[in-house]
């Protein structure tokens, strides 16, 4: 919870964030549809209200919200569906934070991998499990996207450094590339505060 709140705090003034979690309770803010079916995902729609984000996360991580089953494939597909609401000219990123298990999704791995590869966004995965073997999906989904990466944490103390690194990657995800028609000589420097 501390690591997730740290990420939200770092992004709060720079981003609109949507959060999805597994649920088998009825507190869903919205009924979440995937295709024609309602799925077991709780959704907080895009917001930049930090208080709303932290309240949602605290409720999601409370004992009363724990689920018997996990719906990883469905959740990632709903996340990709959410990102379709965001204009393509904006930076769009999906972060998957999971133990990698899926014990009840209605969708298939093949559907997920095809949709992730076609989305054209960066997906980061954080595999938080003590299992020495990485769930192939936690690697394959991020690897199918531009600059996608998977991080692993076996214990809670390893999460904060991962979330800190992830925050830096998301915030500094802008790269300027210039191709010179003729190879230059000398040094190139940028000393301004604006670049068009």
Protein backbone atom coordinates (compact mmCIF):
# COMPACT_ATOMS: atom_id res chain seq x y z
CA UNK A 1 0.00 0.00 0.00
CA UNK A 2 2.86 2.37 0.83
CA UNK A 3 4.54 1.64 -2.52
CA UNK A 4 1.34 2.16 -4.53
CA UNK A 5 0.58 5.41 -2.67
CA UNK A 6 4.12 6.60 -3.37
CA UNK A 7 3.58 6.05 -7.11
CA UNK A 8 0.21 7.85 -6.99
CA UNK A 9 1.73 10.75 -5.05
CA UNK A 10 4.54 11.12 -7.61
CA UNK A 11 2.13 11.16 -10.54
CA UNK A 12 -0.75 13.11 -8.99
CA UNK A 13 -0.07 16.53 -10.53
CA UNK A 14 1.10 15.15 -13.86
CA UNK A 15 -1.44 12.47 -14.74
CA UNK A 16 -4.98 11.23 -14.89
CA UNK A 17 -5.07 7.76 -13.35
CA UNK A 18 -7.56 4.91 -13.51
CA UNK A 19 -7.27 1.99 -11.07
CA UNK A 20 -8.61 -1.54 -11.52
CA UNK A 21 -8.63 -4.27 -8.91
CA UNK A 22 -10.11 -7.75 -8.57
CA UNK A 23 -13.39 -7.87 -6.70
CA UNK A 24 -16.12 -10.28 -5.78
CA UNK A 25 -17.96 -7.68 -3.74
CA UNK A 26 -20.69 -5.31 -4.83
CA UNK A 27 -18.87 -2.04 -4.17
CA UNK A 28 -17.89 -1.61 -7.84
CA UNK A 29 -18.02 2.04 -8.69
CA UNK A 30 -19.10 1.05 -12.21
CA UNK A 31 -20.27 -2.25 -13.64
CA UNK A 32 -17.30 -3.17 -15.77
CA UNK A 33 -18.05 -4.81 -19.08
CA UNK A 34 -15.64 -6.77 -21.20
CA UNK A 35 -17.36 -7.45 -24.49
CA UNK A 36 -20.90 -8.42 -23.51
CA UNK A 37 -20.09 -9.79 -20.06
CA UNK A 38 -19.75 -8.05 -16.71
CA UNK A 39 -16.41 -9.01 -15.14
CA UNK A 40 -15.17 -9.23 -11.54
CA UNK A 41 -13.16 -6.05 -11.66
CA UNK A 42 -13.62 -2.94 -9.54
CA UNK A 43 -12.90 0.30 -11.40
CA UNK A 44 -12.04 3.85 -10.48
CA UNK A 45 -12.36 5.87 -13.67
CA UNK A 46 -9.70 8.38 -14.72
CA UNK A 47 -9.12 11.09 -12.15
CA UNK A 48 -6.35 13.35 -10.90
CA UNK A 49 -7.98 13.63 -7.45
CA UNK A 50 -5.28 12.20 -5.17
CA UNK A 51 -7.66 11.75 -2.22
CA UNK A 52 -10.08 9.76 -4.36
CA UNK A 53 -7.24 7.59 -5.65
CA UNK A 54 -5.83 6.82 -2.20
CA UNK A 55 -9.28 6.06 -0.74
CA UNK A 56 -9.95 3.61 -3.56
CA UNK A 57 -6.58 1.90 -3.09
CA UNK A 58 -6.96 1.67 0.68
CA UNK A 59 -10.38 0.05 0.28
CA UNK A 60 -9.04 -2.29 -2.41
CA UNK A 61 -6.23 -3.47 -0.13
CA UNK A 62 -8.44 -3.94 2.93
CA UNK A 63 -9.28 -7.41 4.22
CA UNK A 64 -12.95 -7.03 3.24
CA UNK A 65 -11.94 -6.64 -0.41
CA UNK A 66 -9.82 -9.79 -0.70
CA UNK A 67 -11.02 -12.23 -3.34
CA UNK A 68 -11.03 -16.00 -3.58
CA UNK A 69 -10.20 -15.89 -7.28
CA UNK A 70 -8.02 -13.68 -9.48
CA UNK A 71 -8.93 -12.29 -12.89
CA UNK A 72 -5.61 -11.12 -14.31
CA UNK A 73 -6.35 -11.54 -18.02
CA UNK A 74 -9.73 -9.82 -17.72
CA UNK A 75 -8.23 -7.00 -15.66
CA UNK A 76 -5.48 -6.25 -18.19
CA UNK A 77 -8.02 -6.30 -21.03
CA UNK A 78 -10.25 -3.86 -19.12
CA UNK A 79 -7.17 -1.68 -18.52
CA UNK A 80 -6.45 -1.62 -22.26
CA UNK A 81 -10.11 -0.82 -22.87
CA UNK A 82 -9.83 2.10 -20.40
CA UNK A 83 -6.78 3.48 -22.20
CA UNK A 84 -8.76 3.68 -25.44
CA UNK A 85 -10.54 6.66 -23.83
CA UNK A 86 -7.26 8.61 -23.75
CA UNK A 87 -6.20 10.47 -26.93
CA UNK A 88 -3.40 8.65 -28.71
CA UNK A 89 -1.20 11.75 -28.81
CA UNK A 90 -0.86 11.65 -24.99
CA UNK A 91 1.52 9.41 -23.07
CA UNK A 92 -0.46 6.29 -22.11
CA UNK A 93 1.00 3.69 -19.76
CA UNK A 94 -0.42 0.57 -18.13
CA UNK A 95 1.09 -0.84 -14.91
CA UNK A 96 0.21 -4.41 -13.93
CA UNK A 97 0.84 -5.17 -10.25
CA UNK A 98 0.05 -8.82 -9.53
CA UNK A 99 1.24 -12.17 -8.25
CA UNK A 100 0.70 -13.35 -11.83
CA UNK A 101 -2.06 -15.82 -11.01
CA UNK A 102 -5.30 -16.07 -12.93
CA UNK A 103 -8.02 -18.21 -11.41
CA UNK A 104 -11.19 -17.20 -13.21
CA UNK A 105 -10.87 -14.87 -16.24
CA UNK A 106 -13.43 -15.31 -19.01
CA UNK A 107 -10.92 -14.19 -21.66
CA UNK A 108 -8.03 -16.14 -23.15
CA UNK A 109 -4.27 -15.54 -23.11
CA UNK A 110 -4.32 -15.32 -26.90
CA UNK A 111 -6.92 -12.52 -26.83
CA UNK A 112 -4.85 -10.63 -24.29
CA UNK A 113 -1.52 -10.93 -26.13
CA UNK A 114 -3.09 -9.82 -29.44
CA UNK A 115 -4.81 -6.82 -27.83
CA UNK A 116 -1.68 -5.77 -25.87
CA UNK A 117 0.54 -5.90 -28.97
CA UNK A 118 -1.99 -3.88 -30.99
CA UNK A 119 -2.51 -1.20 -28.31
CA UNK A 120 0.71 0.71 -29.09
CA UNK A 121 1.29 1.67 -25.44
CA UNK A 122 3.98 0.84 -22.89
CA UNK A 123 3.02 -1.81 -20.36
CA UNK A 124 5.02 -2.40 -17.18
CA UNK A 125 4.58 -5.55 -15.11
CA UNK A 126 5.41 -5.98 -11.43
CA UNK A 127 5.37 -9.65 -10.45
CA UNK A 128 4.97 -9.78 -6.68
CA UNK A 129 5.21 -13.43 -5.69
CA UNK A 130 7.56 -15.78 -3.93
CA UNK A 131 7.28 -18.20 -6.83
CA UNK A 132 10.73 -18.72 -8.39
CA UNK A 133 9.09 -19.17 -11.80
CA UNK A 134 7.69 -16.07 -13.47
CA UNK A 135 4.20 -16.45 -14.88
CA UNK A 136 4.83 -16.25 -18.67
CA UNK A 137 2.04 -13.67 -19.06
CA UNK A 138 3.76 -11.27 -16.67
CA UNK A 139 6.70 -11.28 -19.09
CA UNK A 140 4.97 -11.73 -22.46
CA UNK A 141 2.43 -8.91 -22.11
CA UNK A 142 4.97 -6.13 -21.33
CA UNK A 143 7.47 -7.60 -23.83
CA UNK A 144 4.88 -7.30 -26.61
CA UNK A 145 4.74 -3.50 -26.16
CA UNK A 146 7.14 -0.62 -26.90
CA UNK A 147 9.63 -0.21 -24.00
CA UNK A 148 7.61 -2.69 -21.89
CA UNK A 149 9.40 -4.24 -18.88
CA UNK A 150 8.72 -6.68 -16.09
CA UNK A 151 10.05 -6.21 -12.56
CA UNK A 152 10.06 -8.91 -9.86
CA UNK A 153 9.66 -8.62 -6.11
CA UNK A 154 9.61 -11.59 -3.76
CA UNK A 155 8.94 -9.58 -0.59
CA UNK A 156 7.28 -6.29 0.28
CA UNK A 157 10.57 -4.51 1.06
CA UNK A 158 11.61 -4.95 -2.59
CA UNK A 159 8.54 -3.08 -3.88
CA UNK A 160 9.41 0.52 -2.97
CA UNK A 161 12.61 0.65 -5.10
CA UNK A 162 10.69 -0.89 -8.03
CA UNK A 163 7.86 1.64 -7.76
CA UNK A 164 10.40 4.48 -7.46
CA UNK A 165 12.17 3.32 -10.62
CA UNK A 166 8.85 2.92 -12.39
CA UNK A 167 7.82 6.46 -11.42
CA UNK A 168 11.04 7.87 -12.89
CA UNK A 169 10.52 5.90 -16.11
CA UNK A 170 6.94 7.10 -16.52
CA UNK A 171 7.70 10.73 -15.72
CA UNK A 172 10.79 10.89 -17.95
CA UNK A 173 9.36 8.90 -20.84
CA UNK A 174 10.11 11.67 -23.34
CA UNK A 175 13.06 11.20 -25.67
CA UNK A 176 14.17 13.66 -28.33
CA UNK A 177 15.80 12.14 -31.40
CA UNK A 178 17.28 14.19 -34.22
CA UNK A 179 18.74 12.66 -37.37
CA UNK A 180 21.40 14.76 -39.05
CA UNK A 181 21.47 14.50 -42.87
CA UNK A 182 25.27 14.73 -42.73
CA UNK A 183 27.21 13.37 -39.74
CA UNK A 184 28.05 16.41 -37.60
CA UNK A 185 31.35 17.40 -36.09
CA UNK A 186 31.75 19.22 -32.79
CA UNK A 187 29.32 19.21 -29.85
CA UNK A 188 25.55 19.63 -29.74
CA UNK A 189 23.96 21.20 -26.65
CA UNK A 190 20.50 22.30 -25.60
CA UNK A 191 20.42 25.23 -23.17
CA UNK A 192 16.78 26.35 -23.28
CA UNK A 193 13.73 25.61 -21.20
CA UNK A 194 11.46 24.94 -24.21
CA UNK A 195 11.75 22.63 -27.18
CA UNK A 196 9.35 22.61 -30.13
